Protein backbone atom coordinates (compact mmCIF):
# COMPACT_ATOMS: atom_id res chain seq x y z
CA MET A 1 95.72 14.01 91.38
CA PHE A 2 92.04 14.09 90.35
CA PHE A 3 89.48 14.64 93.07
CA PRO A 4 85.89 13.79 92.16
CA ILE A 5 83.45 16.69 92.27
CA ILE A 6 80.76 14.59 93.85
CA THR A 7 80.62 11.38 95.79
CA TYR A 8 77.38 9.49 96.20
CA ASN A 9 76.24 6.29 97.74
CA THR A 10 73.01 4.53 96.84
CA LEU A 11 71.88 1.83 99.21
CA TYR A 12 69.11 -0.63 98.38
CA ASN A 13 67.44 -3.14 100.64
CA THR A 14 65.60 -5.41 98.21
CA LYS A 15 63.54 -7.28 100.79
CA LYS A 16 60.01 -6.57 99.56
CA ASN A 17 60.51 -2.84 100.18
CA ALA A 18 63.66 -0.95 99.14
CA TYR A 19 65.12 1.89 101.08
CA LEU A 20 67.06 4.56 99.25
CA LEU A 21 69.72 6.67 100.84
CA LEU A 22 71.52 9.30 98.73
CA ASN A 23 74.50 11.10 100.13
CA VAL A 24 75.73 13.86 97.76
CA THR A 25 78.81 15.93 98.64
CA TYR A 26 79.99 18.90 96.59
CA MET A 27 83.61 20.04 96.42
CA ALA A 28 83.49 23.78 95.73
CA ASP A 29 87.16 24.15 94.89
CA LYS A 30 87.02 21.50 92.15
CA ARG A 31 83.83 23.01 90.77
CA ARG A 32 85.70 26.29 90.36
CA SER A 33 88.58 24.49 88.61
CA GLY A 34 86.35 24.02 85.56
CA LYS A 35 86.77 20.25 85.30
CA LYS A 36 84.13 18.66 83.13
CA ILE A 37 81.54 16.65 85.02
CA PRO A 38 80.50 13.34 83.41
CA LYS A 39 76.94 13.46 82.10
CA TYR A 40 75.63 10.78 84.45
CA GLU A 41 77.07 12.62 87.46
CA GLN A 42 75.57 15.93 86.30
CA GLU A 43 72.16 14.25 85.99
CA GLU A 44 72.57 12.97 89.56
CA ILE A 45 73.40 16.47 90.78
CA ASP A 46 70.47 18.05 88.91
CA SER A 47 68.09 15.41 90.20
CA TYR A 48 69.21 16.08 93.77
CA LYS A 49 69.09 19.87 93.48
CA ASN A 50 65.65 19.91 91.87
CA SER A 51 64.11 17.51 94.33
CA SER A 52 61.44 19.07 96.57
CA ASN A 53 62.07 16.47 99.25
CA SER A 54 64.99 16.01 101.57
CA ILE A 55 67.57 13.27 101.14
CA ARG A 56 66.05 11.38 104.01
CA THR A 57 62.52 11.51 102.67
CA GLY A 58 63.60 9.40 99.70
CA ILE A 59 62.59 6.62 102.06
CA ASN A 60 58.93 7.72 101.71
CA GLU A 61 58.73 6.05 98.31
CA PHE A 62 59.29 2.67 99.89
CA ILE A 63 57.05 2.72 102.94
CA SER A 64 53.29 2.78 103.15
CA ILE A 65 50.61 3.34 105.74
CA LYS A 66 48.82 0.13 106.68
CA LYS A 67 45.13 -0.25 106.00
CA LEU A 68 43.57 0.64 109.32
CA ALA A 69 41.58 -1.99 111.16
CA PHE A 70 38.91 0.61 111.93
CA GLU A 71 37.21 3.62 110.37
CA LEU A 72 38.26 7.07 111.46
CA THR A 73 35.44 9.09 112.96
CA LYS A 74 34.29 12.39 111.49
CA LYS A 75 35.92 14.26 114.36
CA GLN A 76 39.21 12.39 113.98
CA LYS A 77 39.30 13.30 110.28
CA GLU A 78 38.59 16.90 111.21
CA LEU A 79 41.56 16.87 113.59
CA ILE A 80 43.89 15.46 110.92
CA LYS A 81 42.92 18.35 108.63
CA ILE A 82 43.60 20.86 111.40
CA LEU A 83 47.01 19.30 112.08
CA HIS A 84 48.01 19.70 108.44
CA GLU A 85 46.82 23.31 108.24
CA ASN A 86 48.40 24.77 111.40
CA LYS A 87 51.82 25.18 112.98
CA ILE A 88 50.83 24.82 116.64
CA VAL A 89 47.90 22.65 117.76
CA THR A 90 46.69 21.67 121.22
CA ILE A 91 44.53 18.56 121.66
CA THR A 92 42.67 17.90 124.90
CA GLY A 93 40.20 15.23 125.88
CA PRO A 94 39.59 12.18 128.05
CA PRO A 95 41.52 8.91 127.62
CA GLY A 96 40.40 6.67 124.80
CA THR A 97 39.75 9.41 122.23
CA SER A 98 42.80 8.49 120.08
CA LYS A 99 44.72 11.71 120.69
CA THR A 100 48.09 9.97 120.36
CA PHE A 101 47.07 7.83 117.40
CA ILE A 102 45.74 10.75 115.34
CA ALA A 103 48.80 12.89 116.03
CA CYS A 104 51.12 10.04 114.98
CA TYR A 105 48.99 9.32 111.91
CA ALA A 106 49.16 12.96 110.80
CA ALA A 107 52.91 13.01 111.46
CA ILE A 108 53.50 10.02 109.17
CA GLN A 109 51.35 11.63 106.48
CA ALA A 110 53.44 14.81 106.75
CA PHE A 111 56.68 12.84 106.51
CA MET A 112 55.56 10.80 103.51
CA SER A 113 54.45 13.92 101.64
CA GLY A 114 57.85 15.55 102.23
CA LYS A 115 56.56 18.24 104.59
CA CYS A 116 58.98 17.24 107.35
CA LYS A 117 62.24 15.33 107.75
CA ASN A 118 61.82 14.14 111.33
CA ILE A 119 59.13 13.11 113.77
CA ILE A 120 60.06 14.01 117.34
CA LEU A 121 58.12 12.46 120.23
CA SER A 122 58.26 13.89 123.72
CA LYS A 123 56.69 13.99 127.16
CA PRO A 124 57.68 15.11 130.68
CA THR A 125 59.99 12.26 131.68
CA GLU A 126 60.51 13.50 135.24
CA ILE A 127 56.94 12.43 136.08
CA LEU A 128 57.66 8.77 135.43
CA ALA A 129 61.17 8.73 136.82
CA GLY A 130 60.27 10.72 139.93
CA THR A 131 63.23 12.95 139.13
CA LYS A 132 64.24 15.42 136.43
CA ASP A 133 67.08 13.09 135.43
CA PRO A 134 66.02 10.18 133.13
CA GLY A 135 69.23 8.46 134.22
CA ALA A 136 67.41 7.44 137.39
CA LEU A 137 65.68 4.69 135.45
CA PRO A 138 67.50 1.35 135.04
CA GLY A 139 68.84 0.14 131.70
CA SER A 140 70.63 1.56 128.67
CA LEU A 141 69.72 4.93 127.19
CA ASP A 142 67.61 3.27 124.50
CA GLU A 143 65.83 1.19 127.15
CA LYS A 144 65.13 4.28 129.26
CA MET A 145 63.65 6.14 126.29
CA ALA A 146 61.58 3.12 125.22
CA VAL A 147 59.73 3.23 128.55
CA TYR A 148 58.56 6.77 127.85
CA ALA A 149 57.86 6.15 124.17
CA GLU A 150 55.59 3.10 124.59
CA SER A 151 52.31 4.96 124.07
CA PHE A 152 53.67 6.39 120.82
CA LEU A 153 55.05 3.03 119.68
CA ASP A 154 51.66 1.40 120.18
CA ALA A 155 50.14 4.01 117.86
CA PHE A 156 52.79 3.57 115.17
CA ASP A 157 52.27 -0.20 115.34
CA GLU A 158 48.76 0.36 113.96
CA ILE A 159 50.01 2.70 111.24
CA LEU A 160 53.22 1.13 109.87
CA ASP A 161 54.58 -2.35 109.23
CA LYS A 162 57.08 -3.31 111.90
CA LYS A 163 60.02 -3.37 109.49
CA ASP A 164 59.15 0.10 108.17
CA PHE A 165 58.91 1.55 111.66
CA LYS A 166 62.13 -0.19 112.72
CA HIS A 167 63.96 1.41 109.80
CA LEU A 168 62.63 4.91 110.56
CA TRP A 169 63.41 4.49 114.27
CA SER A 170 66.95 3.16 113.75
CA ASP A 171 67.67 6.01 111.32
CA LYS A 172 66.25 8.49 113.88
CA VAL A 173 63.68 9.75 111.43
CA ILE A 174 61.31 9.01 114.31
CA GLU A 175 62.86 9.56 117.73
CA PHE A 176 61.95 10.21 121.33
CA LYS A 177 63.41 13.23 123.12
CA PRO A 178 62.74 14.01 126.80
CA ALA A 179 60.98 17.37 127.00
CA GLN A 180 63.78 18.98 129.00
CA PHE A 181 66.19 18.14 126.14
CA LEU A 182 64.11 20.17 123.67
CA ARG A 183 64.92 23.42 125.42
CA GLY A 184 67.66 25.48 123.83
CA ARG A 185 67.23 23.81 120.43
CA THR A 186 65.55 25.09 117.27
CA LEU A 187 63.49 22.28 115.77
CA LYS A 188 63.44 22.67 111.99
CA ASN A 189 61.68 20.52 109.39
CA SER A 190 60.09 18.45 112.13
CA PHE A 191 56.70 17.23 113.29
CA ILE A 192 56.88 17.40 117.10
CA ILE A 193 54.35 15.62 119.32
CA VAL A 194 54.38 16.55 123.01
CA ASP A 195 52.20 14.31 125.17
CA GLU A 196 50.89 14.95 128.70
CA TYR A 197 51.27 18.71 128.41
CA GLN A 198 49.01 19.10 131.45
CA ASN A 199 52.11 18.14 133.43
CA PHE A 200 54.12 21.21 132.40
CA ASP A 201 53.92 24.57 134.12
CA ILE A 202 53.59 27.71 131.98
CA LYS A 203 57.33 28.41 132.01
CA ALA A 204 58.09 24.96 130.63
CA LEU A 205 55.39 25.27 127.94
CA LYS A 206 56.79 28.62 126.84
CA SER A 207 60.27 27.12 126.68
CA ILE A 208 59.08 24.24 124.51
CA VAL A 209 56.79 26.10 122.10
CA THR A 210 59.48 28.68 121.36
CA ARG A 211 61.73 25.90 120.02
CA LEU A 212 59.58 25.75 116.86
CA GLY A 213 61.68 26.32 113.73
CA ARG A 214 61.11 26.58 109.98
CA ASN A 215 58.82 24.06 108.29
CA SER A 216 57.80 22.52 111.60
CA THR A 217 54.59 21.64 113.39
CA ILE A 218 54.23 21.13 117.12
CA VAL A 219 51.31 19.32 118.74
CA PHE A 220 50.52 19.40 122.47
CA MET A 221 48.23 16.67 123.82
CA GLY A 222 46.78 16.16 127.25
CA ASP A 223 43.91 15.54 129.62
CA THR A 224 43.40 18.26 132.22
CA ARG A 225 41.87 15.75 134.62
CA GLN A 226 45.00 13.58 134.68
CA ASN A 227 47.61 16.00 135.93
CA ASP A 228 50.55 14.69 137.95
CA ILE A 229 51.65 18.12 139.15
CA ASN A 230 49.91 20.33 141.64
CA LYS A 231 46.71 21.76 140.15
CA LYS A 232 47.80 25.33 140.77
CA TYR A 233 50.66 24.82 138.28
CA VAL A 234 48.59 23.21 135.49
CA ALA A 235 48.80 25.72 132.63
CA VAL A 236 46.71 24.13 129.87
CA ASP A 237 43.92 26.73 129.95
CA ILE A 238 46.16 29.81 130.08
CA PHE A 239 48.48 28.36 127.40
CA ASN A 240 45.48 27.78 125.12
CA GLU A 241 44.23 31.28 125.84
CA ILE A 242 47.60 32.78 124.90
CA ILE A 243 47.98 31.01 121.54
CA GLU A 244 44.32 30.85 120.41
CA PRO A 245 44.12 34.24 118.61
CA ILE A 246 47.43 33.73 116.78
CA LYS A 247 47.29 32.78 113.10
CA GLY A 248 48.62 29.26 112.58
CA CYS A 249 47.51 28.08 116.02
CA ALA A 250 44.48 25.87 116.68
CA LEU A 251 42.78 24.30 119.69
CA PHE A 252 40.96 20.98 119.44
CA LYS A 253 38.91 19.25 122.13
CA PHE A 254 37.61 15.70 122.28
CA GLU A 255 34.58 15.04 124.50
CA ARG A 256 33.32 12.02 126.42
CA ALA A 257 31.22 11.02 123.38
CA ASP A 258 34.42 10.72 121.31
CA ILE A 259 35.85 7.86 123.36
CA VAL A 260 36.40 4.94 120.98
CA ARG A 261 37.37 2.26 123.49
CA GLU A 262 35.18 -0.16 125.41
CA GLN A 263 31.96 1.11 127.01
CA ILE A 264 33.34 0.17 130.42
CA LEU A 265 36.01 2.85 130.01
CA ILE A 266 33.35 5.48 129.37
CA ASP A 267 31.53 4.36 132.52
CA ILE A 268 34.75 4.53 134.58
CA VAL A 269 35.63 7.99 133.27
CA ASP A 270 32.11 9.17 134.11
CA ARG A 271 32.41 7.90 137.70
CA PHE A 272 35.83 9.46 138.25
CA GLU A 273 34.66 12.81 136.88
CA GLN A 274 31.54 12.65 139.05
CA TYR A 275 33.65 12.14 142.19
CA GLU A 276 36.04 14.93 141.16
CA ASP A 277 33.16 17.35 140.52
CA GLU A 278 31.64 16.52 143.89
CA GLY A 279 34.98 17.02 145.66
CA ARG A 280 35.03 13.44 146.90
CA MET A 281 38.43 12.47 145.53
CA PRO A 282 41.23 12.08 148.13
CA ASP A 283 44.46 14.08 147.82
CA THR A 284 47.29 12.41 145.95
CA GLN A 285 50.89 12.05 147.13
CA LYS A 286 51.94 15.15 145.17
CA GLY A 287 49.16 17.25 146.65
CA ASN A 288 47.18 17.73 143.43
């Protein structure tokens, strides 16, 4: 009986944009048998083997970044450049400085250029749930994860058409992973965005950053004035100090002047910071 040397499946969705999925499987024993491969199949094999992109990034040819409804600032463009040139980047700054948006924007650029296969989104889920088990939240697993991923999803909504994002999300090209689930894994060919890193202690940060694998970038974002853990455990400064001198690592800081939201937000942030600096803020329930 003849067994084909390769099987392949090409799937097209012809609704405005097409999505291509190639699945090529080699059978080593039949290759060794010396059976002649039809020319068209050999061309398929050669095309696959010579491709610089992954199978999954064939999708890149059929998605596009939306024209933004606003101009990126000079500092935001500077951050995008830093994200593409380094393996580990920390981003700090007050709310409203587009930390999440810029990280997601750079991640999509990396995916579309074939620099990564996956975009992994994460944050400390135990803060929202009040427990280290995300199962404490109501709903299905997808519904639980959607609660944590909302800030990321809002950013992607400005970057991609809904149908493009839906396709990448359903195919798990873009996915949310609770931070505690990153431990013990090696994250290869991925662009990893970790939000709210001010809510990890130094042990947790070490555990996460050491998951970085080949051809991957990891971005930590946070605001040191919005910690939900006790201040004595906030490790942003020491973590930055540890990685700063290492080649391939970069620190980036947004300031109050970089806030791009309404003026009222700037005024509110100023008042909160004034009260914090003067020691007038009451203790929180977690004793921060």
